[in-house]
């Protein structure tokens, strides 16, 4: 078993802030959505906390975006340009997650510095980071000051439509985080991937 430096310090810091921020956004979001049922903090305090954490996460997104844009680590997100090979790798990974992992079969994806995501991860993370995160940020900004953004709100169908999209993304991220935590536990030990992402930066390669 060898160790490879997959997660540089900027990414570990970004991930830690992102993970903490999204959990706090979900908790404050629950309180805002179900005010009167879940009252952990005063309502206005929750609103302010939700807003400020949102701004921190927007800034944090640009840290991620600029790091990958101006470093060679962006190769981790490059798709395989061969559709046949991409399909074969994706199908193999699906078989592994579907039953291979429960039979003790080895992971078909061999991680390295520039290929840290398996095909399913690469596809999902691009959807999350390049579509879902910007969309939840934009809808959140529109809801933050609906008077300031009245023309934009009207263009997208009004407060009800923007609020519904924001709520659906909230539900999506709730499920995504649960799945993300579970998949993070599937290393050679339960804590291996967590230790690599949050502390050392080194993943074990078999």
N, C-alpha and C. Protein backbone atom coordinates (compact mmCIF):
# COMPACT_ATOMS: atom_id res chain seq x y z
N UNK A 1 0.85 -1.19 0.00
CA UNK A 1 0.00 0.00 0.00
C UNK A 1 0.88 1.24 0.00
N UNK A 2 0.63 2.16 -0.92
CA UNK A 2 1.38 3.41 -0.99
C UNK A 2 0.45 4.58 -0.71
N UNK A 3 1.04 5.69 -0.30
CA UNK A 3 0.26 6.90 -0.02
C UNK A 3 0.49 7.92 -1.13
N UNK A 4 -0.59 8.53 -1.61
CA UNK A 4 -0.48 9.56 -2.64
C UNK A 4 -1.18 10.82 -2.13
N UNK A 5 -0.56 11.96 -2.47
CA UNK A 5 -1.06 13.25 -1.98
C UNK A 5 -2.15 13.75 -2.92
N UNK A 6 -3.38 13.42 -2.59
CA UNK A 6 -4.51 13.69 -3.48
C UNK A 6 -5.21 15.00 -3.13
N UNK A 7 -5.23 15.35 -1.85
CA UNK A 7 -6.02 16.51 -1.40
C UNK A 7 -5.09 17.60 -0.85
N UNK A 8 -4.68 18.56 -1.67
CA UNK A 8 -3.81 19.64 -1.18
C UNK A 8 -4.53 20.51 -0.15
N UNK A 9 -3.75 21.26 0.61
CA UNK A 9 -4.30 22.04 1.72
C UNK A 9 -5.46 22.96 1.32
N UNK A 10 -5.37 23.71 0.21
CA UNK A 10 -6.51 24.58 -0.14
C UNK A 10 -7.82 23.82 -0.30
N UNK A 11 -7.75 22.62 -0.87
CA UNK A 11 -8.96 21.82 -1.05
C UNK A 11 -9.47 21.28 0.27
N UNK A 12 -8.56 20.90 1.17
CA UNK A 12 -8.99 20.42 2.48
C UNK A 12 -9.67 21.53 3.27
N UNK A 13 -9.12 22.75 3.19
CA UNK A 13 -9.74 23.89 3.88
C UNK A 13 -11.10 24.22 3.26
N UNK A 14 -11.14 24.22 1.92
CA UNK A 14 -12.40 24.49 1.24
C UNK A 14 -13.45 23.46 1.63
N UNK A 15 -13.06 22.19 1.66
CA UNK A 15 -14.01 21.12 1.95
C UNK A 15 -14.51 21.22 3.38
N UNK A 16 -13.62 21.54 4.32
CA UNK A 16 -14.03 21.68 5.72
C UNK A 16 -15.03 22.81 5.90
N UNK A 17 -14.75 23.96 5.27
CA UNK A 17 -15.68 25.10 5.35
C UNK A 17 -17.00 24.75 4.68
N UNK A 18 -16.91 24.10 3.52
CA UNK A 18 -18.12 23.75 2.78
C UNK A 18 -18.99 22.77 3.56
N UNK A 19 -18.37 21.74 4.13
CA UNK A 19 -19.13 20.74 4.88
C UNK A 19 -19.82 21.37 6.09
N UNK A 20 -19.06 22.17 6.85
CA UNK A 20 -19.63 22.82 8.03
C UNK A 20 -20.74 23.79 7.63
N UNK A 21 -20.46 24.57 6.58
CA UNK A 21 -21.44 25.56 6.14
C UNK A 21 -22.73 24.94 5.65
N UNK A 22 -22.63 23.86 4.87
CA UNK A 22 -23.85 23.25 4.34
C UNK A 22 -24.69 22.61 5.44
N UNK A 23 -24.04 22.01 6.42
CA UNK A 23 -24.79 21.44 7.54
C UNK A 23 -25.53 22.54 8.29
N UNK A 24 -24.85 23.67 8.52
CA UNK A 24 -25.48 24.79 9.22
C UNK A 24 -26.60 25.41 8.38
N UNK A 25 -26.41 25.46 7.06
CA UNK A 25 -27.47 25.99 6.19
C UNK A 25 -28.70 25.09 6.23
N UNK A 26 -28.48 23.79 6.27
CA UNK A 26 -29.61 22.85 6.34
C UNK A 26 -30.35 22.99 7.67
N UNK A 27 -29.60 23.10 8.77
CA UNK A 27 -30.24 23.23 10.08
C UNK A 27 -31.02 24.53 10.20
N UNK A 28 -30.40 25.64 9.77
CA UNK A 28 -31.12 26.92 9.82
C UNK A 28 -32.26 26.93 8.80
N UNK A 29 -32.06 26.27 7.67
CA UNK A 29 -33.12 26.18 6.68
C UNK A 29 -34.33 25.43 7.21
N UNK A 30 -34.08 24.36 7.96
CA UNK A 30 -35.18 23.61 8.59
C UNK A 30 -35.96 24.53 9.52
N UNK A 31 -35.22 25.32 10.33
CA UNK A 31 -35.91 26.18 11.28
C UNK A 31 -36.72 27.26 10.56
N UNK A 32 -36.17 27.81 9.48
CA UNK A 32 -36.91 28.84 8.73
C UNK A 32 -38.14 28.26 8.05
N UNK A 33 -37.99 27.05 7.53
CA UNK A 33 -39.12 26.41 6.81
C UNK A 33 -40.20 25.96 7.77
N UNK A 34 -39.80 25.48 8.94
CA UNK A 34 -40.77 24.95 9.91
C UNK A 34 -40.78 25.79 11.18
N UNK A 35 -40.80 27.10 11.01
CA UNK A 35 -40.83 28.02 12.15
C UNK A 35 -42.04 27.71 13.02
N UNK A 36 -41.80 27.66 14.32
CA UNK A 36 -42.87 27.32 15.25
C UNK A 36 -42.85 25.86 15.65
N UNK A 37 -42.24 25.03 14.79
CA UNK A 37 -42.10 23.60 15.10
C UNK A 37 -40.70 23.30 15.59
N UNK A 38 -39.71 23.91 14.92
CA UNK A 38 -38.31 23.72 15.30
C UNK A 38 -37.73 25.10 15.59
N UNK A 39 -37.59 25.42 16.87
CA UNK A 39 -37.13 26.75 17.27
C UNK A 39 -35.88 26.63 18.15
N UNK A 40 -34.75 26.41 17.50
CA UNK A 40 -33.50 26.29 18.25
C UNK A 40 -32.93 27.66 18.58
N UNK A 41 -33.17 28.63 17.68
CA UNK A 41 -32.68 30.00 17.86
C UNK A 41 -33.83 30.96 17.58
N UNK A 42 -33.72 32.21 18.06
CA UNK A 42 -34.73 33.21 17.68
C UNK A 42 -34.80 33.33 16.16
N UNK A 43 -36.00 33.60 15.64
CA UNK A 43 -36.21 33.59 14.20
C UNK A 43 -35.28 34.53 13.46
N UNK A 44 -35.17 35.78 13.92
CA UNK A 44 -34.33 36.74 13.20
C UNK A 44 -32.86 36.36 13.26
N UNK A 45 -32.44 35.79 14.38
CA UNK A 45 -31.05 35.30 14.49
C UNK A 45 -30.80 34.21 13.46
N UNK A 46 -31.78 33.33 13.29
CA UNK A 46 -31.66 32.25 12.31
C UNK A 46 -31.58 32.80 10.90
N UNK A 47 -32.41 33.81 10.60
CA UNK A 47 -32.37 34.44 9.28
C UNK A 47 -31.00 35.03 9.01
N UNK A 48 -30.48 35.79 9.97
CA UNK A 48 -29.17 36.43 9.80
C UNK A 48 -28.07 35.39 9.64
N UNK A 49 -28.12 34.34 10.46
CA UNK A 49 -27.11 33.28 10.39
C UNK A 49 -27.16 32.58 9.04
N UNK A 50 -28.36 32.26 8.57
CA UNK A 50 -28.55 31.61 7.28
C UNK A 50 -27.97 32.47 6.15
N UNK A 51 -28.24 33.76 6.21
CA UNK A 51 -27.75 34.67 5.17
C UNK A 51 -26.23 34.77 5.17
N UNK A 52 -25.64 34.97 6.34
CA UNK A 52 -24.19 35.16 6.40
C UNK A 52 -23.43 33.89 6.04
N UNK A 53 -23.93 32.75 6.47
CA UNK A 53 -23.29 31.50 6.08
C UNK A 53 -23.40 31.32 4.56
N UNK A 54 -24.52 31.73 4.00
CA UNK A 54 -24.69 31.66 2.55
C UNK A 54 -23.63 32.48 1.82
N UNK A 55 -23.36 33.69 2.31
CA UNK A 55 -22.33 34.52 1.68
C UNK A 55 -20.94 33.89 1.82
N UNK A 56 -20.68 33.28 2.96
CA UNK A 56 -19.40 32.60 3.16
C UNK A 56 -19.26 31.45 2.17
N UNK A 57 -20.33 30.69 1.96
CA UNK A 57 -20.28 29.56 1.04
C UNK A 57 -20.14 30.01 -0.41
N UNK A 58 -20.73 31.15 -0.75
CA UNK A 58 -20.56 31.68 -2.11
C UNK A 58 -19.10 32.04 -2.33
N UNK A 59 -18.49 32.72 -1.35
CA UNK A 59 -17.07 33.06 -1.46
C UNK A 59 -16.21 31.80 -1.52
N UNK A 60 -16.60 30.80 -0.72
CA UNK A 60 -15.86 29.54 -0.69
C UNK A 60 -15.94 28.81 -2.02
N UNK A 61 -17.10 28.92 -2.70
CA UNK A 61 -17.24 28.32 -4.02
C UNK A 61 -16.22 28.90 -4.99
N UNK A 62 -16.01 30.21 -4.94
CA UNK A 62 -15.06 30.83 -5.85
C UNK A 62 -13.62 30.44 -5.51
N UNK A 63 -13.34 30.15 -4.23
CA UNK A 63 -12.02 29.62 -3.87
C UNK A 63 -11.80 28.29 -4.59
N UNK A 64 -12.81 27.41 -4.52
CA UNK A 64 -12.73 26.11 -5.21
C UNK A 64 -12.58 26.30 -6.70
N UNK A 65 -13.41 27.14 -7.27
CA UNK A 65 -13.44 27.34 -8.72
C UNK A 65 -12.10 27.88 -9.23
N UNK A 66 -11.56 28.89 -8.55
CA UNK A 66 -10.31 29.50 -8.99
C UNK A 66 -9.12 28.56 -8.78
N UNK A 67 -9.15 27.78 -7.70
CA UNK A 67 -8.06 26.83 -7.47
C UNK A 67 -7.98 25.83 -8.61
N UNK A 68 -9.11 25.25 -8.98
CA UNK A 68 -9.09 24.26 -10.06
C UNK A 68 -8.87 24.90 -11.42
N UNK A 69 -9.38 26.12 -11.59
CA UNK A 69 -9.22 26.80 -12.87
C UNK A 69 -7.76 27.08 -13.19
N UNK A 70 -6.98 27.41 -12.15
CA UNK A 70 -5.59 27.82 -12.36
C UNK A 70 -4.56 26.81 -11.86
N UNK A 71 -4.98 25.57 -11.67
CA UNK A 71 -4.03 24.53 -11.29
C UNK A 71 -4.21 23.30 -12.16
N UNK A 72 -3.19 22.46 -12.21
CA UNK A 72 -3.30 21.26 -13.03
C UNK A 72 -4.22 20.21 -12.41
N UNK A 73 -4.69 20.46 -11.17
CA UNK A 73 -5.61 19.51 -10.53
C UNK A 73 -6.97 19.47 -11.20
N UNK A 74 -7.24 20.43 -12.08
CA UNK A 74 -8.51 20.43 -12.80
C UNK A 74 -8.66 19.18 -13.65
N UNK A 75 -7.54 18.51 -13.93
CA UNK A 75 -7.59 17.27 -14.71
C UNK A 75 -8.45 16.21 -14.02
N UNK A 76 -8.64 16.34 -12.71
CA UNK A 76 -9.49 15.40 -11.99
C UNK A 76 -10.92 15.43 -12.50
N UNK A 77 -11.32 16.55 -13.07
CA UNK A 77 -12.69 16.71 -13.54
C UNK A 77 -12.83 16.49 -15.04
N UNK A 78 -11.72 16.24 -15.75
CA UNK A 78 -11.80 16.04 -17.19
C UNK A 78 -12.50 14.72 -17.50
N UNK A 79 -13.50 14.73 -18.36
CA UNK A 79 -14.17 13.47 -18.73
C UNK A 79 -13.30 12.65 -19.67
N UNK A 80 -13.55 11.36 -19.70
CA UNK A 80 -12.89 10.49 -20.67
C UNK A 80 -13.49 10.79 -22.04
N UNK A 81 -12.66 11.13 -23.01
CA UNK A 81 -13.16 11.53 -24.32
C UNK A 81 -13.58 10.34 -25.19
N UNK A 82 -13.35 9.14 -24.69
CA UNK A 82 -13.81 7.95 -25.40
C UNK A 82 -15.15 7.50 -24.80
N UNK A 83 -16.27 7.68 -25.51
CA UNK A 83 -17.57 7.28 -24.96
C UNK A 83 -17.63 5.81 -24.58
N UNK A 84 -17.00 4.96 -25.39
CA UNK A 84 -17.02 3.52 -25.09
C UNK A 84 -16.28 3.23 -23.79
N UNK A 85 -15.11 3.83 -23.62
CA UNK A 85 -14.33 3.61 -22.40
C UNK A 85 -15.04 4.22 -21.19
N UNK A 86 -15.63 5.40 -21.38
CA UNK A 86 -16.35 6.05 -20.28
C UNK A 86 -17.54 5.20 -19.84
N UNK A 87 -18.28 4.65 -20.79
CA UNK A 87 -19.43 3.81 -20.46
C UNK A 87 -18.97 2.55 -19.73
N UNK A 88 -17.90 1.94 -20.21
CA UNK A 88 -17.40 0.70 -19.59
C UNK A 88 -16.96 0.96 -18.15
N UNK A 89 -16.26 2.07 -17.94
CA UNK A 89 -15.78 2.40 -16.59
C UNK A 89 -16.96 2.72 -15.66
N UNK A 90 -17.94 3.44 -16.20
CA UNK A 90 -19.11 3.80 -15.40
C UNK A 90 -19.91 2.55 -15.02
N UNK A 91 -20.11 1.66 -15.98
CA UNK A 91 -20.87 0.43 -15.72
C UNK A 91 -20.13 -0.44 -14.70
N UNK A 92 -18.82 -0.51 -14.84
CA UNK A 92 -18.01 -1.29 -13.89
C UNK A 92 -18.14 -0.72 -12.47
N UNK A 93 -18.15 0.60 -12.37
CA UNK A 93 -18.28 1.23 -11.05
C UNK A 93 -19.66 0.99 -10.46
N UNK A 94 -20.67 1.02 -11.31
CA UNK A 94 -22.03 0.75 -10.85
C UNK A 94 -22.16 -0.69 -10.34
N UNK A 95 -21.53 -1.63 -11.05
CA UNK A 95 -21.54 -3.02 -10.59
C UNK A 95 -20.86 -3.16 -9.24
N UNK A 96 -19.76 -2.42 -9.07
CA UNK A 96 -19.03 -2.48 -7.80
C UNK A 96 -19.90 -1.97 -6.65
N UNK A 97 -20.52 -0.80 -6.84
CA UNK A 97 -21.38 -0.25 -5.79
C UNK A 97 -22.64 -1.08 -5.58
N UNK A 98 -23.12 -1.72 -6.66
CA UNK A 98 -24.36 -2.49 -6.57
C UNK A 98 -24.22 -3.78 -5.80
N UNK A 99 -23.11 -4.51 -6.03
CA UNK A 99 -22.94 -5.78 -5.32
C UNK A 99 -21.48 -6.15 -5.06
N UNK A 100 -20.56 -5.66 -5.90
CA UNK A 100 -19.16 -6.05 -5.73
C UNK A 100 -18.58 -5.71 -4.37
N UNK A 101 -18.94 -4.51 -3.88
CA UNK A 101 -18.41 -4.07 -2.59
C UNK A 101 -18.87 -4.98 -1.45
N UNK A 102 -20.07 -5.56 -1.60
CA UNK A 102 -20.61 -6.43 -0.55
C UNK A 102 -19.99 -7.83 -0.60
N UNK A 103 -19.29 -8.14 -1.70
CA UNK A 103 -18.61 -9.43 -1.84
C UNK A 103 -17.11 -9.31 -1.64
N UNK A 104 -16.67 -8.11 -1.24
CA UNK A 104 -15.25 -7.92 -0.99
C UNK A 104 -14.41 -7.76 -2.24
N UNK A 105 -15.05 -7.47 -3.37
CA UNK A 105 -14.31 -7.27 -4.61
C UNK A 105 -13.57 -5.94 -4.57
N UNK A 106 -12.43 -5.83 -5.26
CA UNK A 106 -11.66 -4.58 -5.26
C UNK A 106 -12.38 -3.49 -6.06
N UNK A 107 -12.16 -2.26 -5.64
CA UNK A 107 -12.72 -1.11 -6.36
C UNK A 107 -12.06 -1.04 -7.75
N UNK A 108 -12.84 -1.00 -8.82
CA UNK A 108 -12.24 -0.95 -10.17
C UNK A 108 -11.51 0.36 -10.46
N UNK A 109 -11.81 1.39 -9.68
CA UNK A 109 -11.14 2.68 -9.90
C UNK A 109 -9.85 2.74 -9.11
N UNK A 110 -8.75 3.03 -9.79
CA UNK A 110 -7.44 3.17 -9.15
C UNK A 110 -7.12 4.66 -9.05
N UNK A 111 -7.15 5.17 -7.85
CA UNK A 111 -6.97 6.60 -7.62
C UNK A 111 -5.53 7.03 -7.83
N UNK A 112 -5.36 8.20 -8.47
CA UNK A 112 -4.06 8.86 -8.48
C UNK A 112 -4.28 10.36 -8.38
N UNK A 113 -3.22 11.13 -8.40
CA UNK A 113 -3.31 12.57 -8.16
C UNK A 113 -4.25 13.26 -9.12
N UNK A 114 -4.21 12.86 -10.39
CA UNK A 114 -5.00 13.52 -11.41
C UNK A 114 -6.24 12.73 -11.82
N UNK A 115 -6.54 11.70 -11.09
CA UNK A 115 -7.72 10.89 -11.39
C UNK A 115 -8.29 10.39 -10.07
N UNK A 116 -8.67 11.34 -9.21
CA UNK A 116 -9.10 10.95 -7.87
C UNK A 116 -10.57 10.53 -7.81
N UNK A 117 -11.34 10.88 -8.84
CA UNK A 117 -12.76 10.53 -8.86
C UNK A 117 -13.03 9.36 -9.78
N UNK A 118 -13.86 8.43 -9.32
CA UNK A 118 -14.31 7.39 -10.24
C UNK A 118 -15.34 8.01 -11.18
N UNK A 119 -15.74 7.32 -12.26
CA UNK A 119 -16.64 7.94 -13.25
C UNK A 119 -17.95 8.46 -12.68
N UNK A 120 -18.52 7.74 -11.72
CA UNK A 120 -19.78 8.19 -11.12
C UNK A 120 -19.57 9.43 -10.28
N UNK A 121 -18.49 9.45 -9.49
CA UNK A 121 -18.18 10.62 -8.69
C UNK A 121 -17.94 11.84 -9.57
N UNK A 122 -17.15 11.66 -10.62
CA UNK A 122 -16.82 12.77 -11.50
C UNK A 122 -18.09 13.38 -12.10
N UNK A 123 -19.00 12.54 -12.56
CA UNK A 123 -20.24 13.03 -13.16
C UNK A 123 -21.10 13.75 -12.12
N UNK A 124 -21.24 13.13 -10.93
CA UNK A 124 -22.09 13.71 -9.90
C UNK A 124 -21.52 15.02 -9.37
N UNK A 125 -20.20 15.05 -9.11
CA UNK A 125 -19.61 16.26 -8.55
C UNK A 125 -19.64 17.42 -9.53
N UNK A 126 -19.54 17.14 -10.82
CA UNK A 126 -19.66 18.22 -11.79
C UNK A 126 -21.09 18.78 -11.80
N UNK A 127 -22.08 17.90 -11.68
CA UNK A 127 -23.47 18.36 -11.60
C UNK A 127 -23.67 19.21 -10.34
N UNK A 128 -23.12 18.72 -9.22
CA UNK A 128 -23.29 19.42 -7.95
C UNK A 128 -22.59 20.78 -7.97
N UNK A 129 -21.30 20.77 -8.36
CA UNK A 129 -20.50 21.99 -8.23
C UNK A 129 -20.76 23.01 -9.35
N UNK A 130 -21.12 22.55 -10.53
CA UNK A 130 -21.29 23.47 -11.65
C UNK A 130 -22.75 23.80 -11.96
N UNK A 131 -23.68 23.08 -11.32
CA UNK A 131 -25.09 23.35 -11.56
C UNK A 131 -25.86 23.59 -10.25
N UNK A 132 -25.84 22.60 -9.36
CA UNK A 132 -26.67 22.69 -8.15
C UNK A 132 -26.20 23.79 -7.21
N UNK A 133 -24.89 23.88 -6.95
CA UNK A 133 -24.39 24.91 -6.03
C UNK A 133 -24.63 26.31 -6.58
N UNK A 134 -24.27 26.61 -7.85
CA UNK A 134 -24.58 27.95 -8.37
C UNK A 134 -26.08 28.26 -8.34
N UNK A 135 -26.91 27.25 -8.63
CA UNK A 135 -28.35 27.48 -8.66
C UNK A 135 -28.90 27.76 -7.27
N UNK A 136 -28.44 27.04 -6.27
CA UNK A 136 -28.94 27.29 -4.91
C UNK A 136 -28.41 28.64 -4.41
N UNK A 137 -27.22 29.04 -4.86
CA UNK A 137 -26.68 30.35 -4.48
C UNK A 137 -27.49 31.48 -5.12
N UNK A 138 -27.80 31.34 -6.41
CA UNK A 138 -28.55 32.39 -7.12
C UNK A 138 -29.96 32.52 -6.55
N UNK A 139 -30.64 31.39 -6.35
CA UNK A 139 -32.00 31.46 -5.79
C UNK A 139 -31.97 32.01 -4.37
N UNK A 140 -30.93 31.67 -3.62
CA UNK A 140 -30.79 32.19 -2.27
C UNK A 140 -30.59 33.70 -2.27
N UNK A 141 -29.76 34.20 -3.19
CA UNK A 141 -29.55 35.65 -3.30
C UNK A 141 -30.84 36.37 -3.67
N UNK A 142 -31.61 35.80 -4.58
CA UNK A 142 -32.87 36.42 -4.98
C UNK A 142 -33.85 36.49 -3.81
N UNK A 143 -33.89 35.43 -3.01
CA UNK A 143 -34.79 35.41 -1.86
C UNK A 143 -34.28 36.29 -0.72
N UNK A 144 -32.97 36.49 -0.67
CA UNK A 144 -32.36 37.33 0.38
C UNK A 144 -32.90 38.75 0.31
N UNK A 145 -33.04 39.29 -0.90
CA UNK A 145 -33.58 40.64 -1.06
C UNK A 145 -34.47 40.65 -2.31
N UNK A 146 -35.69 40.21 -2.12
CA UNK A 146 -36.60 40.09 -3.27
C UNK A 146 -36.97 41.45 -3.85
N UNK A 147 -36.92 42.52 -3.04
CA UNK A 147 -37.22 43.85 -3.56
C UNK A 147 -36.11 44.34 -4.48
N UNK A 148 -34.87 44.13 -4.07
CA UNK A 148 -33.72 44.55 -4.88
C UNK A 148 -33.71 43.81 -6.21
N UNK A 149 -34.07 42.53 -6.17
CA UNK A 149 -34.01 41.70 -7.37
C UNK A 149 -35.39 41.46 -7.99
N UNK A 150 -36.31 42.38 -7.79
CA UNK A 150 -37.68 42.21 -8.30
C UNK A 150 -37.73 41.90 -9.80
N UNK A 151 -37.00 42.64 -10.65
CA UNK A 151 -37.07 42.32 -12.09
C UNK A 151 -36.58 40.92 -12.42
N UNK A 152 -35.51 40.49 -11.74
CA UNK A 152 -34.97 39.15 -11.98
C UNK A 152 -35.95 38.10 -11.47
N UNK A 153 -36.53 38.36 -10.30
CA UNK A 153 -37.52 37.43 -9.74
C UNK A 153 -38.69 37.27 -10.70
N UNK A 154 -39.15 38.38 -11.25
CA UNK A 154 -40.28 38.34 -12.18
C UNK A 154 -39.92 37.55 -13.44
N UNK A 155 -38.67 37.71 -13.89
CA UNK A 155 -38.23 36.99 -15.09
C UNK A 155 -38.27 35.49 -14.88
N UNK A 156 -37.94 35.04 -13.66
CA UNK A 156 -37.91 33.60 -13.37
C UNK A 156 -39.24 33.07 -12.84
N UNK A 157 -40.28 33.90 -12.83
CA UNK A 157 -41.59 33.41 -12.46
C UNK A 157 -42.11 33.85 -11.11
N UNK A 158 -41.34 34.69 -10.42
CA UNK A 158 -41.80 35.21 -9.14
C UNK A 158 -41.26 34.47 -7.94
N UNK A 159 -41.62 34.97 -6.76
CA UNK A 159 -41.10 34.43 -5.50
C UNK A 159 -41.47 32.97 -5.30
N UNK A 160 -42.67 32.59 -5.71
CA UNK A 160 -43.12 31.21 -5.49
C UNK A 160 -42.24 30.22 -6.28
N UNK A 161 -41.95 30.56 -7.53
CA UNK A 161 -41.14 29.66 -8.36
C UNK A 161 -39.71 29.59 -7.81
N UNK A 162 -39.11 30.75 -7.53
CA UNK A 162 -37.74 30.78 -7.02
C UNK A 162 -37.65 30.06 -5.67
N UNK A 163 -38.63 30.29 -4.82
CA UNK A 163 -38.64 29.63 -3.52
C UNK A 163 -38.79 28.12 -3.63
N UNK A 164 -39.60 27.68 -4.59
CA UNK A 164 -39.79 26.23 -4.80
C UNK A 164 -38.49 25.59 -5.29
N UNK A 165 -37.82 26.25 -6.23
CA UNK A 165 -36.54 25.72 -6.73
C UNK A 165 -35.53 25.65 -5.58
N UNK A 166 -35.49 26.69 -4.76
CA UNK A 166 -34.56 26.71 -3.62
C UNK A 166 -34.87 25.58 -2.65
N UNK A 167 -36.15 25.33 -2.42
CA UNK A 167 -36.57 24.26 -1.52
C UNK A 167 -36.22 22.89 -2.09
N UNK A 168 -36.43 22.69 -3.38
CA UNK A 168 -36.09 21.41 -4.01
C UNK A 168 -34.59 21.15 -3.94
N UNK A 169 -33.81 22.19 -4.11
CA UNK A 169 -32.35 22.04 -3.99
C UNK A 169 -31.96 21.74 -2.55
N UNK A 170 -32.66 22.34 -1.61
CA UNK A 170 -32.45 22.04 -0.19
C UNK A 170 -32.65 20.54 0.08
N UNK A 171 -33.73 19.98 -0.47
CA UNK A 171 -34.00 18.55 -0.31
C UNK A 171 -32.91 17.72 -0.98
N UNK A 172 -32.50 18.14 -2.19
CA UNK A 172 -31.44 17.43 -2.91
C UNK A 172 -30.17 17.38 -2.08
N UNK A 173 -29.77 18.52 -1.50
CA UNK A 173 -28.53 18.56 -0.74
C UNK A 173 -28.63 17.75 0.55
N UNK A 174 -29.81 17.66 1.13
CA UNK A 174 -29.99 16.80 2.31
C UNK A 174 -29.65 15.36 1.96
N UNK A 175 -30.20 14.87 0.85
CA UNK A 175 -29.92 13.50 0.41
C UNK A 175 -28.47 13.35 -0.02
N UNK A 176 -27.95 14.34 -0.71
CA UNK A 176 -26.57 14.27 -1.20
C UNK A 176 -25.58 14.15 -0.05
N UNK A 177 -25.78 14.93 1.00
CA UNK A 177 -24.84 14.91 2.13
C UNK A 177 -24.89 13.55 2.83
N UNK A 178 -26.08 13.00 3.01
CA UNK A 178 -26.18 11.66 3.63
C UNK A 178 -25.44 10.63 2.79
N UNK A 179 -25.65 10.66 1.48
CA UNK A 179 -24.99 9.72 0.58
C UNK A 179 -23.48 9.96 0.58
N UNK A 180 -23.09 11.23 0.59
CA UNK A 180 -21.66 11.58 0.57
C UNK A 180 -20.95 11.06 1.83
N UNK A 181 -21.60 11.21 2.97
CA UNK A 181 -21.02 10.72 4.23
C UNK A 181 -20.89 9.20 4.19
N UNK A 182 -21.92 8.52 3.67
CA UNK A 182 -21.87 7.06 3.57
C UNK A 182 -20.74 6.61 2.65
N UNK A 183 -20.66 7.18 1.45
CA UNK A 183 -19.63 6.77 0.50
C UNK A 183 -18.23 7.10 1.03
N UNK A 184 -18.14 8.16 1.83
CA UNK A 184 -16.85 8.49 2.43
C UNK A 184 -16.35 7.45 3.42
N UNK A 185 -17.25 6.61 3.88
CA UNK A 185 -16.87 5.58 4.86
C UNK A 185 -16.44 4.28 4.20
N UNK A 186 -16.39 4.25 2.86
CA UNK A 186 -16.13 2.99 2.15
C UNK A 186 -14.66 2.80 1.78
N UNK A 187 -13.76 3.40 2.52
CA UNK A 187 -12.34 3.16 2.31
C UNK A 187 -11.93 1.83 2.91
N UNK A 188 -10.61 1.59 2.95
CA UNK A 188 -10.17 0.31 3.54
C UNK A 188 -10.43 0.27 5.04
N UNK A 189 -10.62 1.46 5.65
CA UNK A 189 -11.18 1.57 6.99
C UNK A 189 -12.27 2.63 6.92
N UNK A 190 -13.14 2.65 7.91
CA UNK A 190 -14.26 3.60 7.89
C UNK A 190 -13.76 5.05 7.87
N UNK A 191 -12.64 5.31 8.54
CA UNK A 191 -12.17 6.68 8.68
C UNK A 191 -11.09 7.08 7.67
N UNK A 192 -10.68 6.16 6.80
CA UNK A 192 -9.53 6.43 5.92
C UNK A 192 -9.74 7.65 5.02
N UNK A 193 -10.88 7.71 4.35
CA UNK A 193 -11.14 8.84 3.45
C UNK A 193 -11.33 10.14 4.22
N UNK A 194 -11.95 10.06 5.41
CA UNK A 194 -12.15 11.26 6.21
C UNK A 194 -10.81 11.82 6.69
N UNK A 195 -9.93 10.92 7.12
CA UNK A 195 -8.61 11.34 7.58
C UNK A 195 -7.85 12.01 6.44
N UNK A 196 -7.94 11.43 5.24
CA UNK A 196 -7.23 11.98 4.09
C UNK A 196 -7.77 13.36 3.71
N UNK A 197 -9.09 13.52 3.70
CA UNK A 197 -9.68 14.77 3.25
C UNK A 197 -9.56 15.89 4.28
N UNK A 198 -9.68 15.57 5.55
CA UNK A 198 -9.71 16.63 6.56
C UNK A 198 -8.38 16.85 7.27
N UNK A 199 -7.46 15.86 7.21
CA UNK A 199 -6.24 16.00 8.01
C UNK A 199 -4.97 15.91 7.18
N UNK A 200 -4.70 14.75 6.60
CA UNK A 200 -3.38 14.52 6.01
C UNK A 200 -3.27 14.91 4.54
N UNK A 201 -4.34 14.73 3.78
CA UNK A 201 -4.29 14.94 2.33
C UNK A 201 -3.85 13.70 1.58
N UNK A 202 -3.38 12.66 2.27
CA UNK A 202 -2.87 11.46 1.64
C UNK A 202 -3.91 10.34 1.63
N UNK A 203 -4.15 9.79 0.44
CA UNK A 203 -5.00 8.61 0.30
C UNK A 203 -4.13 7.38 0.14
N UNK A 204 -4.64 6.25 0.63
CA UNK A 204 -3.92 4.99 0.48
C UNK A 204 -4.26 4.37 -0.87
N UNK A 205 -3.25 4.03 -1.64
CA UNK A 205 -3.45 3.40 -2.93
C UNK A 205 -2.98 1.97 -2.86
N UNK A 206 -3.88 1.06 -3.27
CA UNK A 206 -3.56 -0.39 -3.21
C UNK A 206 -2.95 -0.85 -4.53
